[in-house]
Amino acid sequence: MAAMVAAMPAQARQPALAANLAPLAKERAQREARQIALANFESRITVSDMIEAAVGDQTKQLYERTYPAILRRAGIERVELVDRFPVLTGQFGYTRGEATPGKSRLRTYRETNGDYTVYGELVQTEALFVRLDPLYIHKWMVQRGRQLTTATNSKEAAIAVLEDLAGPSGEYTITNESDRLLVTLVHSFAHAFIKRAAVFSGIERSALSELVLPYCFGFFVYSAAKGDFILGGLQALFESDLHTLLDGLVEDEQRCALDPGCSDNGGACAVCLHLGEPSCRMFNTMLERSVLAGGTGYFDLTAAT
C-alpha cells in the first residue's frame, strides 16, 4: 500500500492544512490522506448510498435512524465500504539464517547496473473505512489533559488536534504525548473493531488486517485477498449488522480475563486487544483498553454527550 502511494503523482492543488502544523505531523497527515483517496478511487459505498437504494420501510429506517444513532454513540463520524480495496504485496529480497535482527543479512534483488527489483502482486479485496469524529477526539484529548484550541465543529477540532501533534520521527516512533494518545486511541479502536467484525462477517480474525491512519483519525479493516474472489463478509456486515457490532463494542464489558495483571502491565494482551502478526502491522504496540473505556475512555465520553 505504501509503495502504491509513493508512486502516485503529486497533485497540482492539494487542500491547505493549518499553517502552524509541525512538519512531521503535516507530512504524515498528507500521506495518510493520499492513502484514503487511493483506496476510495474506484469504489466507495456510504450509508447515504444505502438509504437511497433501500427497499422497504424497515431497511430504510435501519439506515436512516439506527445507523446514525449508533455511529454517534460510538464517536464515529462515518463508516464506508470499499469493495475494491487495493493491496500490493512486494518482495524486494530475502534473508537466510537466524531471524534475530542483526544475525542475518538481507539479500536484495539487484540488477547488474545497481537498480533494485521488486516483485509484486496487486489484488483487490473488500474493506471498511472507519473515521472517528474529530469533535469527540478533541474533547477526549482535552479531558486527558492536553491544551487544545477551542473548536465548535469537526474541521476546527481536526485542526486543533493536528496542531498539537509533533509527528512520528520514525514509522512508529512516537515521543510526543498528544501523538501517543491519538495513535493509541485509533489503534486500540481498530483492534476492538476487528475482534467483533470477525464474528459478524464470518471471516476468521487472522484473515482480517488493519491499515491504521491516526493522523486522519481513522483506519481500514480489510480481508485477506483470495485472488479474484471476494467473499463479501464485510459487505454483509456493513449492510446488516453494523449497528449490532458497534452496540457491542461500546456497551460490552471492557475488562480482561487476565486482570489485574493485564491492567497493571499496559492494559493490552492476547486475551483482550492483541491480534495475530498478519493482522497488525504495528506488532501489537500502542494499545491500551483504558483509552476506550474505564472512566476516562473514549466511550465514556461519547456516552455522556
C-alpha atoms as a PDB file:
ATOM      1  CA  MET A   1       0.000   0.000   0.000  1.00  0.00           C
ATOM      2  CA  ALA A   2       2.766   2.409   0.919  1.00  0.00           C
ATOM      3  CA  ALA A   3       4.520   1.674  -2.364  1.00  0.00           C
ATOM      4  CA  MET A   4       1.358   2.495  -4.288  1.00  0.00           C
ATOM      5  CA  VAL A   5       1.037   5.805  -2.502  1.00  0.00           C
ATOM      6  CA  ALA A   6       4.665   6.658  -3.169  1.00  0.00           C
ATOM      7  CA  ALA A   7       4.096   6.022  -6.872  1.00  0.00           C
ATOM      8  CA  MET A   8       1.152   8.412  -7.091  1.00  0.00           C
ATOM      9  CA  PRO A   9       1.804  11.661  -8.978  1.00  0.00           C
ATOM     10  CA  ALA A  10       1.785  14.833  -6.920  1.00  0.00           C
ATOM     11  CA  GLN A  11      -1.494  16.711  -7.137  1.00  0.00           C
ATOM     12  CA  ALA A  12      -1.397  20.154  -8.677  1.00  0.00           C
ATOM     13  CA  ARG A  13      -3.619  21.554  -5.974  1.00  0.00           C
ATOM     14  CA  GLN A  14      -3.933  19.983  -2.551  1.00  0.00           C
ATOM     15  CA  PRO A  15      -6.178  21.117   0.305  1.00  0.00           C
ATOM     16  CA  ALA A  16      -4.291  23.543   2.510  1.00  0.00           C
ATOM     17  CA  LEU A  17      -3.601  22.448   6.057  1.00  0.00           C
ATOM     18  CA  ALA A  18      -3.215  24.714   9.048  1.00  0.00           C
ATOM     19  CA  ALA A  19      -0.077  26.824   8.658  1.00  0.00           C
ATOM     20  CA  ASN A  20       1.325  26.009  12.085  1.00  0.00           C
ATOM     21  CA  LEU A  21       1.374  22.228  11.860  1.00  0.00           C
ATOM     22  CA  ALA A  22       4.643  20.562  12.798  1.00  0.00           C
ATOM     23  CA  PRO A  23       6.439  19.417   9.611  1.00  0.00           C
ATOM     24  CA  LEU A  24       6.402  15.712  10.537  1.00  0.00           C
ATOM     25  CA  ALA A  25       2.731  15.810  11.538  1.00  0.00           C
ATOM     26  CA  LYS A  26       1.786  17.631   8.336  1.00  0.00           C
ATOM     27  CA  GLU A  27       3.754  15.179   6.214  1.00  0.00           C
ATOM     28  CA  ARG A  28       2.127  12.155   7.861  1.00  0.00           C
ATOM     29  CA  ALA A  29      -1.387  13.633   7.651  1.00  0.00           C
ATOM     30  CA  GLN A  30      -0.964  14.360   3.937  1.00  0.00           C
ATOM     31  CA  ARG A  31       0.433  10.904   3.288  1.00  0.00           C
ATOM     32  CA  GLU A  32      -2.483   9.231   5.069  1.00  0.00           C
ATOM     33  CA  ALA A  33      -4.989  11.420   3.223  1.00  0.00           C
ATOM     34  CA  ARG A  34      -3.498  10.215  -0.069  1.00  0.00           C
ATOM     35  CA  GLN A  35      -3.827   6.623   1.098  1.00  0.00           C
ATOM     36  CA  ILE A  36      -7.523   7.153   1.789  1.00  0.00           C
ATOM     37  CA  ALA A  37      -8.036   8.822  -1.589  1.00  0.00           C
ATOM     38  CA  LEU A  38      -6.234   5.988  -3.356  1.00  0.00           C
ATOM     39  CA  ALA A  39      -8.269   3.309  -1.596  1.00  0.00           C
ATOM     40  CA  ASN A  40     -11.550   5.067  -2.449  1.00  0.00           C
ATOM     41  CA  PHE A  41     -10.571   5.842  -6.026  1.00  0.00           C
ATOM     42  CA  GLU A  42     -12.506   3.009  -7.685  1.00  0.00           C
ATOM     43  CA  SER A  43     -15.326   2.338  -5.260  1.00  0.00           C
ATOM     44  CA  ARG A  44     -16.950   3.709  -2.133  1.00  0.00           C
ATOM     45  CA  ILE A  45     -20.357   2.976  -0.634  1.00  0.00           C
ATOM     46  CA  THR A  46     -21.667   5.199   2.144  1.00  0.00           C
ATOM     47  CA  VAL A  47     -24.638   4.942   4.481  1.00  0.00           C
ATOM     48  CA  SER A  48     -26.306   7.669   2.396  1.00  0.00           C
ATOM     49  CA  ASP A  49     -25.933   5.452  -0.678  1.00  0.00           C
ATOM     50  CA  MET A  50     -27.665   2.608   1.140  1.00  0.00           C
ATOM     51  CA  ILE A  51     -30.516   4.897   2.217  1.00  0.00           C
ATOM     52  CA  GLU A  52     -31.151   5.825  -1.420  1.00  0.00           C
ATOM     53  CA  ALA A  53     -31.088   2.176  -2.510  1.00  0.00           C
ATOM     54  CA  ALA A  54     -33.064   0.809   0.462  1.00  0.00           C
ATOM     55  CA  VAL A  55     -36.110  -1.326  -0.307  1.00  0.00           C
ATOM     56  CA  GLY A  56     -38.789  -1.444   2.376  1.00  0.00           C
ATOM     57  CA  ASP A  57     -39.541   0.782   5.338  1.00  0.00           C
ATOM     58  CA  GLN A  58     -37.729  -1.416   7.850  1.00  0.00           C
ATOM     59  CA  THR A  59     -34.465  -1.348   5.927  1.00  0.00           C
ATOM     60  CA  LYS A  60     -34.714   2.375   5.310  1.00  0.00           C
ATOM     61  CA  GLN A  61     -35.347   3.030   8.996  1.00  0.00           C
ATOM     62  CA  LEU A  62     -32.280   0.945   9.859  1.00  0.00           C
ATOM     63  CA  TYR A  63     -30.060   3.167   7.709  1.00  0.00           C
ATOM     64  CA  GLU A  64     -31.777   6.490   8.446  1.00  0.00           C
ATOM     65  CA  ARG A  65     -32.175   6.189  12.220  1.00  0.00           C
ATOM     66  CA  THR A  66     -30.444   3.206  13.787  1.00  0.00           C
ATOM     67  CA  TYR A  67     -27.098   3.520  11.995  1.00  0.00           C
ATOM     68  CA  PRO A  68     -26.622   7.282  12.608  1.00  0.00           C
ATOM     69  CA  ALA A  69     -27.583   6.869  16.271  1.00  0.00           C
ATOM     70  CA  ILE A  70     -25.065   4.118  16.969  1.00  0.00           C
ATOM     71  CA  LEU A  71     -22.353   5.931  14.998  1.00  0.00           C
ATOM     72  CA  ARG A  72     -22.817   8.944  17.273  1.00  0.00           C
ATOM     73  CA  ARG A  73     -22.799   6.720  20.348  1.00  0.00           C
ATOM     74  CA  ALA A  74     -19.519   5.142  19.236  1.00  0.00           C
ATOM     75  CA  GLY A  75     -17.960   8.513  18.414  1.00  0.00           C
ATOM     76  CA  ILE A  76     -17.642   7.651  14.729  1.00  0.00           C
ATOM     77  CA  GLU A  77     -18.022  10.257  12.000  1.00  0.00           C
ATOM     78  CA  ARG A  78     -18.567   7.751   9.206  1.00  0.00           C
ATOM     79  CA  VAL A  79     -18.143   4.153   8.078  1.00  0.00           C
ATOM     80  CA  GLU A  80     -17.742   3.377   4.383  1.00  0.00           C
ATOM     81  CA  LEU A  81     -17.477   0.177   2.370  1.00  0.00           C
ATOM     82  CA  VAL A  82     -14.729  -0.149  -0.228  1.00  0.00           C
ATOM     83  CA  ASP A  83     -15.439  -3.216  -2.342  1.00  0.00           C
ATOM     84  CA  ARG A  84     -12.277  -2.909  -4.461  1.00  0.00           C
ATOM     85  CA  PHE A  85      -9.610  -2.125  -1.880  1.00  0.00           C
ATOM     86  CA  PRO A  86      -6.126  -2.339  -3.473  1.00  0.00           C
ATOM     87  CA  VAL A  87      -3.477  -4.401  -1.697  1.00  0.00           C
ATOM     88  CA  LEU A  88       0.051  -4.520  -3.095  1.00  0.00           C
ATOM     89  CA  THR A  89       2.396  -7.237  -1.876  1.00  0.00           C
ATOM     90  CA  GLY A  90       6.017  -6.703  -2.854  1.00  0.00           C
ATOM     91  CA  GLN A  91       9.170  -8.735  -2.312  1.00  0.00           C
ATOM     92  CA  PHE A  92      12.493  -6.926  -2.637  1.00  0.00           C
ATOM     93  CA  GLY A  93      14.812  -9.513  -1.119  1.00  0.00           C
ATOM     94  CA  TYR A  94      15.267 -12.377   1.283  1.00  0.00           C
ATOM     95  CA  THR A  95      17.276 -13.485   4.297  1.00  0.00           C
ATOM     96  CA  ARG A  96      18.834 -16.771   5.332  1.00  0.00           C
ATOM     97  CA  GLY A  97      19.770 -17.930   8.779  1.00  0.00           C
ATOM     98  CA  GLU A  98      18.519 -16.666  12.111  1.00  0.00           C
ATOM     99  CA  ALA A  99      15.507 -14.371  12.384  1.00  0.00           C
ATOM    100  CA  THR A 100      17.124 -12.333  15.174  1.00  0.00           C
ATOM    101  CA  PRO A 101      17.832  -8.763  13.974  1.00  0.00           C
ATOM    102  CA  GLY A 102      21.498  -8.403  13.107  1.00  0.00           C
ATOM    103  CA  LYS A 103      22.096 -12.143  12.888  1.00  0.00           C
ATOM    104  CA  SER A 104      21.280 -12.498   9.201  1.00  0.00           C
ATOM    105  CA  ARG A 105      21.931 -10.469   6.076  1.00  0.00           C
ATOM    106  CA  LEU A 106      19.295  -9.042   3.756  1.00  0.00           C
ATOM    107  CA  ARG A 107      19.836 -10.114   0.163  1.00  0.00           C
ATOM    108  CA  THR A 108      18.080  -7.726  -2.197  1.00  0.00           C
ATOM    109  CA  TYR A 109      17.186  -8.352  -5.816  1.00  0.00           C
ATOM    110  CA  ARG A 110      19.536  -6.097  -7.776  1.00  0.00           C
ATOM    111  CA  GLU A 111      20.337  -5.714 -11.436  1.00  0.00           C
ATOM    112  CA  THR A 112      23.897  -5.530 -12.735  1.00  0.00           C
ATOM    113  CA  ASN A 113      23.531  -1.754 -13.100  1.00  0.00           C
ATOM    114  CA  GLY A 114      22.680  -1.408  -9.409  1.00  0.00           C
ATOM    115  CA  ASP A 115      18.914  -0.949  -9.767  1.00  0.00           C
ATOM    116  CA  TYR A 116      16.682  -2.727  -7.274  1.00  0.00           C
ATOM    117  CA  THR A 117      13.935  -5.072  -8.476  1.00  0.00           C
ATOM    118  CA  VAL A 118      10.689  -5.539  -6.560  1.00  0.00           C
ATOM    119  CA  TYR A 119       8.419  -8.453  -7.469  1.00  0.00           C
ATOM    120  CA  GLY A 120       4.868  -7.513  -6.638  1.00  0.00           C
ATOM    121  CA  GLU A 121       1.265  -8.599  -6.897  1.00  0.00           C
ATOM    122  CA  LEU A 122      -1.646  -6.179  -6.856  1.00  0.00           C
ATOM    123  CA  VAL A 123      -5.008  -7.604  -5.842  1.00  0.00           C
ATOM    124  CA  GLN A 124      -8.327  -6.145  -4.742  1.00  0.00           C
ATOM    125  CA  THR A 125     -10.380  -7.085  -1.721  1.00  0.00           C
ATOM    126  CA  GLU A 126     -13.149  -5.607   0.425  1.00  0.00           C
ATOM    127  CA  ALA A 127     -12.586  -3.176   3.269  1.00  0.00           C
ATOM    128  CA  LEU A 128     -14.367  -0.924   5.734  1.00  0.00           C
ATOM    129  CA  PHE A 129     -13.095   2.572   6.413  1.00  0.00           C
ATOM    130  CA  VAL A 130     -13.897   3.903   9.883  1.00  0.00           C
ATOM    131  CA  ARG A 131     -13.238   7.553  10.766  1.00  0.00           C
ATOM    132  CA  LEU A 132     -13.631   8.739  14.335  1.00  0.00           C
ATOM    133  CA  ASP A 133     -15.367  12.051  14.983  1.00  0.00           C
ATOM    134  CA  PRO A 134     -12.753  14.837  15.368  1.00  0.00           C
ATOM    135  CA  LEU A 135     -15.013  16.679  17.829  1.00  0.00           C
ATOM    136  CA  TYR A 136     -15.077  13.706  20.188  1.00  0.00           C
ATOM    137  CA  ILE A 137     -11.338  13.181  19.776  1.00  0.00           C
ATOM    138  CA  HIS A 138     -10.800  16.861  20.618  1.00  0.00           C
ATOM    139  CA  LYS A 139     -12.960  16.612  23.760  1.00  0.00           C
ATOM    140  CA  TRP A 140     -11.310  13.363  24.805  1.00  0.00           C
ATOM    141  CA  MET A 141      -7.781  14.736  24.456  1.00  0.00           C
ATOM    142  CA  VAL A 142      -8.732  17.839  26.451  1.00  0.00           C
ATOM    143  CA  GLN A 143     -10.159  15.526  29.094  1.00  0.00           C
ATOM    144  CA  ARG A 144      -6.810  13.744  29.093  1.00  0.00           C
ATOM    145  CA  GLY A 145      -5.023  16.994  29.912  1.00  0.00           C
ATOM    146  CA  ARG A 146      -3.998  18.342  26.503  1.00  0.00           C
ATOM    147  CA  GLN A 147      -4.256  22.105  25.956  1.00  0.00           C
ATOM    148  CA  LEU A 148      -6.045  22.404  22.607  1.00  0.00           C
ATOM    149  CA  THR A 149      -7.541  25.363  20.780  1.00  0.00           C
ATOM    150  CA  THR A 150     -11.303  25.666  21.273  1.00  0.00           C
ATOM    151  CA  ALA A 151     -13.333  24.022  18.492  1.00  0.00           C
ATOM    152  CA  THR A 152     -17.021  24.265  17.591  1.00  0.00           C
ATOM    153  CA  ASN A 153     -17.141  21.974  14.546  1.00  0.00           C
ATOM    154  CA  SER A 154     -15.342  18.968  13.097  1.00  0.00           C
ATOM    155  CA  LYS A 155     -12.949  20.948  10.904  1.00  0.00           C
ATOM    156  CA  GLU A 156     -11.858  23.209  13.754  1.00  0.00           C
ATOM    157  CA  ALA A 157     -11.482  20.189  16.023  1.00  0.00           C
ATOM    158  CA  ALA A 158      -9.353  18.320  13.488  1.00  0.00           C
ATOM    159  CA  ILE A 159      -7.054  21.312  13.022  1.00  0.00           C
ATOM    160  CA  ALA A 160      -6.764  21.865  16.777  1.00  0.00           C
ATOM    161  CA  VAL A 161      -5.755  18.241  17.337  1.00  0.00           C
ATOM    162  CA  LEU A 162      -3.289  18.229  14.441  1.00  0.00           C
ATOM    163  CA  GLU A 163      -1.701  21.445  15.672  1.00  0.00           C
ATOM    164  CA  ASP A 164      -0.849  19.730  18.957  1.00  0.00           C
ATOM    165  CA  LEU A 165       0.943  16.835  17.259  1.00  0.00           C
ATOM    166  CA  ALA A 166       4.666  16.557  16.610  1.00  0.00           C
ATOM    167  CA  GLY A 167       4.502  13.685  14.143  1.00  0.00           C
ATOM    168  CA  PRO A 168       6.465  10.421  14.286  1.00  0.00           C
ATOM    169  CA  SER A 169      10.244  10.577  13.921  1.00  0.00           C
ATOM    170  CA  GLY A 170      10.156   7.040  12.505  1.00  0.00           C
ATOM    171  CA  GLU A 171       7.404   4.848  11.104  1.00  0.00           C
ATOM    172  CA  TYR A 172       6.011   4.291  14.599  1.00  0.00           C
ATOM    173  CA  THR A 173       8.470   6.202  16.787  1.00  0.00           C
ATOM    174  CA  ILE A 174       6.290   8.413  18.998  1.00  0.00           C
ATOM    175  CA  THR A 175       7.727  10.806  21.586  1.00  0.00           C
ATOM    176  CA  ASN A 176       5.020  13.487  21.893  1.00  0.00           C
ATOM    177  CA  GLU A 177       2.214  12.767  24.389  1.00  0.00           C
ATOM    178  CA  SER A 178      -0.558  14.001  22.071  1.00  0.00           C
ATOM    179  CA  ASP A 179       0.719  11.764  19.279  1.00  0.00           C
ATOM    180  CA  ARG A 180       0.845   8.832  21.678  1.00  0.00           C
ATOM    181  CA  LEU A 181      -2.730   9.426  22.834  1.00  0.00           C
ATOM    182  CA  LEU A 182      -4.105   9.748  19.304  1.00  0.00           C
ATOM    183  CA  VAL A 183      -2.274   6.741  17.856  1.00  0.00           C
ATOM    184  CA  THR A 184      -3.151   4.575  20.864  1.00  0.00           C
ATOM    185  CA  LEU A 185      -6.827   5.548  20.639  1.00  0.00           C
ATOM    186  CA  VAL A 186      -7.202   4.854  16.917  1.00  0.00           C
ATOM    187  CA  HIS A 187      -5.129   1.669  17.050  1.00  0.00           C
ATOM    188  CA  SER A 188      -6.971   0.277  20.091  1.00  0.00           C
ATOM    189  CA  PHE A 189     -10.318   1.111  18.449  1.00  0.00           C
ATOM    190  CA  ALA A 190      -9.230  -0.741  15.300  1.00  0.00           C
ATOM    191  CA  HIS A 191      -8.297  -3.884  17.239  1.00  0.00           C
ATOM    192  CA  ALA A 192     -11.540  -3.892  19.216  1.00  0.00           C
ATOM    193  CA  PHE A 193     -13.459  -3.412  15.951  1.00  0.00           C
ATOM    194  CA  ILE A 194     -11.633  -6.256  14.191  1.00  0.00           C
ATOM    195  CA  LYS A 195     -12.286  -8.706  17.023  1.00  0.00           C
ATOM    196  CA  ARG A 196     -16.027  -8.150  16.680  1.00  0.00           C
ATOM    197  CA  ALA A 197     -16.002  -7.826  12.894  1.00  0.00           C
ATOM    198  CA  ALA A 198     -14.658 -11.365  12.631  1.00  0.00           C
ATOM    199  CA  VAL A 199     -17.794 -12.649  14.361  1.00  0.00           C
ATOM    200  CA  PHE A 200     -20.329 -10.721  12.279  1.00  0.00           C
ATOM    201  CA  SER A 201     -18.592 -11.061   8.910  1.00  0.00           C
ATOM    202  CA  GLY A 202     -17.896 -14.780   9.129  1.00  0.00           C
ATOM    203  CA  ILE A 203     -14.241 -14.114   8.314  1.00  0.00           C
ATOM    204  CA  GLU A 204     -11.535 -15.562  10.540  1.00  0.00           C
ATOM    205  CA  ARG A 205      -9.853 -12.973  12.715  1.00  0.00           C
ATOM    206  CA  SER A 206      -6.456 -13.927  11.284  1.00  0.00           C
ATOM    207  CA  ALA A 207      -7.786 -13.127   7.793  1.00  0.00           C
ATOM    208  CA  LEU A 208      -8.657  -9.533   8.735  1.00  0.00           C
ATOM    209  CA  SER A 209      -5.967  -6.861   8.703  1.00  0.00           C
ATOM    210  CA  GLU A 210      -5.716  -3.188   9.587  1.00  0.00           C
ATOM    211  CA  LEU A 211      -4.342  -0.065   7.975  1.00  0.00           C
ATOM    212  CA  VAL A 212      -4.208   2.488  10.783  1.00  0.00           C
ATOM    213  CA  LEU A 213      -4.291   6.160   9.748  1.00  0.00           C
ATOM    214  CA  PRO A 214      -4.278   8.047  13.069  1.00  0.00           C
ATOM    215  CA  TYR A 215      -3.344  11.425  11.607  1.00  0.00           C
ATOM    216  CA  CYS A 216      -6.574  11.246   9.609  1.00  0.00           C
ATOM    217  CA  PHE A 217      -8.448   9.879  12.656  1.00  0.00           C
ATOM    218  CA  GLY A 218      -9.361   6.603  11.005  1.00  0.00           C
ATOM    219  CA  PHE A 219      -8.453   3.107   9.912  1.00  0.00           C
ATOM    220  CA  PHE A 220      -9.227   0.491   7.263  1.00  0.00           C
ATOM    221  CA  VAL A 221     -10.181  -3.079   8.114  1.00  0.00           C
ATOM    222  CA  TYR A 222      -9.727  -5.358   5.108  1.00  0.00           C
ATOM    223  CA  SER A 223      -9.952  -9.071   4.445  1.00  0.00           C
ATOM    224  CA  ALA A 224      -7.152 -11.197   3.068  1.00  0.00           C
ATOM    225  CA  ALA A 225      -7.220 -11.221  -0.718  1.00  0.00           C
ATOM    226  CA  LYS A 226      -8.236 -14.537  -2.313  1.00  0.00           C
ATOM    227  CA  GLY A 227      -7.237 -13.978  -5.915  1.00  0.00           C
ATOM    228  CA  ASP A 228     -10.158 -12.644  -7.941  1.00  0.00           C
ATOM    229  CA  PHE A 229     -12.723 -13.870  -5.409  1.00  0.00           C
ATOM    230  CA  ILE A 230     -14.182 -11.521  -2.763  1.00  0.00           C
ATOM    231  CA  LEU A 231     -16.108 -13.272  -0.018  1.00  0.00           C
ATOM    232  CA  GLY A 232     -18.452 -10.381   0.768  1.00  0.00           C
ATOM    233  CA  GLY A 233     -18.451 -10.829   4.535  1.00  0.00           C
ATOM    234  CA  LEU A 234     -17.565  -7.209   5.279  1.00  0.00           C
ATOM    235  CA  GLN A 235     -20.220  -6.019   2.838  1.00  0.00           C
ATOM    236  CA  ALA A 236     -22.843  -8.132   4.609  1.00  0.00           C
ATOM    237  CA  LEU A 237     -21.694  -6.721   7.945  1.00  0.00           C
ATOM    238  CA  PHE A 238     -21.914  -3.168   6.622  1.00  0.00           C
ATOM    239  CA  GLU A 239     -25.394  -3.669   5.192  1.00  0.00           C
ATOM    240  CA  SER A 240     -26.992  -5.658   8.017  1.00  0.00           C
ATOM    241  CA  ASP A 241     -25.058  -5.864  11.287  1.00  0.00           C
ATOM    242  CA  LEU A 242     -23.000  -2.704  11.703  1.00  0.00           C
ATOM    243  CA  HIS A 243     -25.319  -1.390  14.413  1.00  0.00           C
ATOM    244  CA  THR A 244     -25.109  -4.635  16.378  1.00  0.00           C
ATOM    245  CA  LEU A 245     -21.323  -4.707  16.153  1.00  0.00           C
ATOM    246  CA  LEU A 246     -20.953  -1.118  17.344  1.00  0.00           C
ATOM    247  CA  ASP A 247     -23.504  -1.538  20.106  1.00  0.00           C
ATOM    248  CA  GLY A 248     -21.496  -4.447  21.470  1.00  0.00           C
ATOM    249  CA  LEU A 249     -18.260  -2.536  21.025  1.00  0.00           C
ATOM    250  CA  VAL A 250     -19.338   0.361  23.227  1.00  0.00           C
ATOM    251  CA  GLU A 251     -21.615  -1.427  25.703  1.00  0.00           C
ATOM    252  CA  ASP A 252     -19.941  -4.786  26.351  1.00  0.00           C
ATOM    253  CA  GLU A 253     -17.777  -5.403  29.380  1.00  0.00           C
ATOM    254  CA  GLN A 254     -14.336  -3.883  28.814  1.00  0.00           C
ATOM    255  CA  ARG A 255     -12.458  -5.839  31.467  1.00  0.00           C
ATOM    256  CA  CYS A 256      -9.913  -8.514  30.559  1.00  0.00           C
ATOM    257  CA  ALA A 257      -9.966 -12.083  31.853  1.00  0.00           C
ATOM    258  CA  LEU A 258      -6.335 -11.635  32.885  1.00  0.00           C
ATOM    259  CA  ASP A 259      -6.975  -8.544  35.013  1.00  0.00           C
ATOM    260  CA  PRO A 260      -5.481  -7.217  37.230  1.00  0.00           C
ATOM    261  CA  GLY A 261      -2.296  -8.497  35.618  1.00  0.00           C
ATOM    262  CA  CYS A 262      -3.220  -7.116  32.205  1.00  0.00           C
ATOM    263  CA  SER A 263      -4.257  -3.696  33.540  1.00  0.00           C
ATOM    264  CA  ASP A 264      -1.073  -3.438  35.592  1.00  0.00           C
ATOM    265  CA  ASN A 265       1.110  -4.150  32.558  1.00  0.00           C
ATOM    266  CA  GLY A 266      -0.096  -1.869  29.795  1.00  0.00           C
ATOM    267  CA  GLY A 267      -3.756  -2.828  29.593  1.00  0.00           C
ATOM    268  CA  ALA A 268      -3.478  -4.910  26.413  1.00  0.00           C
ATOM    269  CA  CYS A 269      -2.742  -8.604  25.977  1.00  0.00           C
ATOM    270  CA  ALA A 270      -3.531 -11.608  23.797  1.00  0.00           C
ATOM    271  CA  VAL A 271      -6.859 -12.101  25.560  1.00  0.00           C
ATOM    272  CA  CYS A 272      -8.283  -8.588  25.115  1.00  0.00           C
ATOM    273  CA  LEU A 273      -6.704  -6.460  22.358  1.00  0.00           C
ATOM    274  CA  HIS A 274      -3.805  -8.246  20.681  1.00  0.00           C
ATOM    275  CA  LEU A 275      -4.199  -9.637  17.159  1.00  0.00           C
ATOM    276  CA  GLY A 276      -2.081 -12.092  15.186  1.00  0.00           C
ATOM    277  CA  GLU A 277       1.033 -10.823  13.418  1.00  0.00           C
ATOM    278  CA  PRO A 278      -0.549 -10.917   9.921  1.00  0.00           C
ATOM    279  CA  SER A 279      -3.328  -8.612  11.139  1.00  0.00           C
ATOM    280  CA  CYS A 280      -1.358  -5.914  12.984  1.00  0.00           C
ATOM    281  CA  ARG A 281       1.383  -4.040  11.154  1.00  0.00           C
ATOM    282  CA  MET A 282       2.321  -2.243  14.395  1.00  0.00           C
ATOM    283  CA  PHE A 283       3.197  -5.531  16.135  1.00  0.00           C
ATOM    284  CA  ASN A 284       0.629  -5.027  18.912  1.00  0.00           C
ATOM    285  CA  THR A 285       2.239  -1.872  20.244  1.00  0.00           C
ATOM    286  CA  MET A 286       0.399   1.376  21.096  1.00  0.00           C
ATOM    287  CA  LEU A 287      -2.603  -0.476  22.544  1.00  0.00           C
ATOM    288  CA  GLU A 288      -4.479   0.206  25.772  1.00  0.00           C
ATOM    289  CA  ARG A 289      -8.003  -0.682  26.888  1.00  0.00           C
ATOM    290  CA  SER A 290      -8.277   2.368  29.137  1.00  0.00           C
ATOM    291  CA  VAL A 291      -8.355   4.740  26.154  1.00  0.00           C
ATOM    292  CA  LEU A 292     -11.678   3.152  25.157  1.00  0.00           C
ATOM    293  CA  ALA A 293     -13.418   2.632  28.488  1.00  0.00           C
ATOM    294  CA  GLY A 294     -12.826   2.602  32.197  1.00  0.00           C
ATOM    295  CA  GLY A 295     -13.726   6.073  33.440  1.00  0.00           C
ATOM    296  CA  THR A 296     -11.781   8.388  31.134  1.00  0.00           C
ATOM    297  CA  GLY A 297     -12.148   6.362  27.951  1.00  0.00           C
ATOM    298  CA  TYR A 298     -13.464   7.462  24.571  1.00  0.00           C
ATOM    299  CA  PHE A 299     -16.735   5.555  25.001  1.00  0.00           C
ATOM    300  CA  ASP A 300     -17.233   7.047  28.458  1.00  0.00           C
ATOM    301  CA  LEU A 301     -17.111  10.474  26.826  1.00  0.00           C
ATOM    302  CA  THR A 302     -19.457   9.629  23.949  1.00  0.00           C
ATOM    303  CA  ALA A 303     -21.979   8.181  26.402  1.00  0.00           C
ATOM    304  CA  ALA A 304     -22.024  11.392  28.420  1.00  0.00           C
ATOM    305  CA  THR A 305     -22.557  13.787  25.482  1.00  0.00           C
END
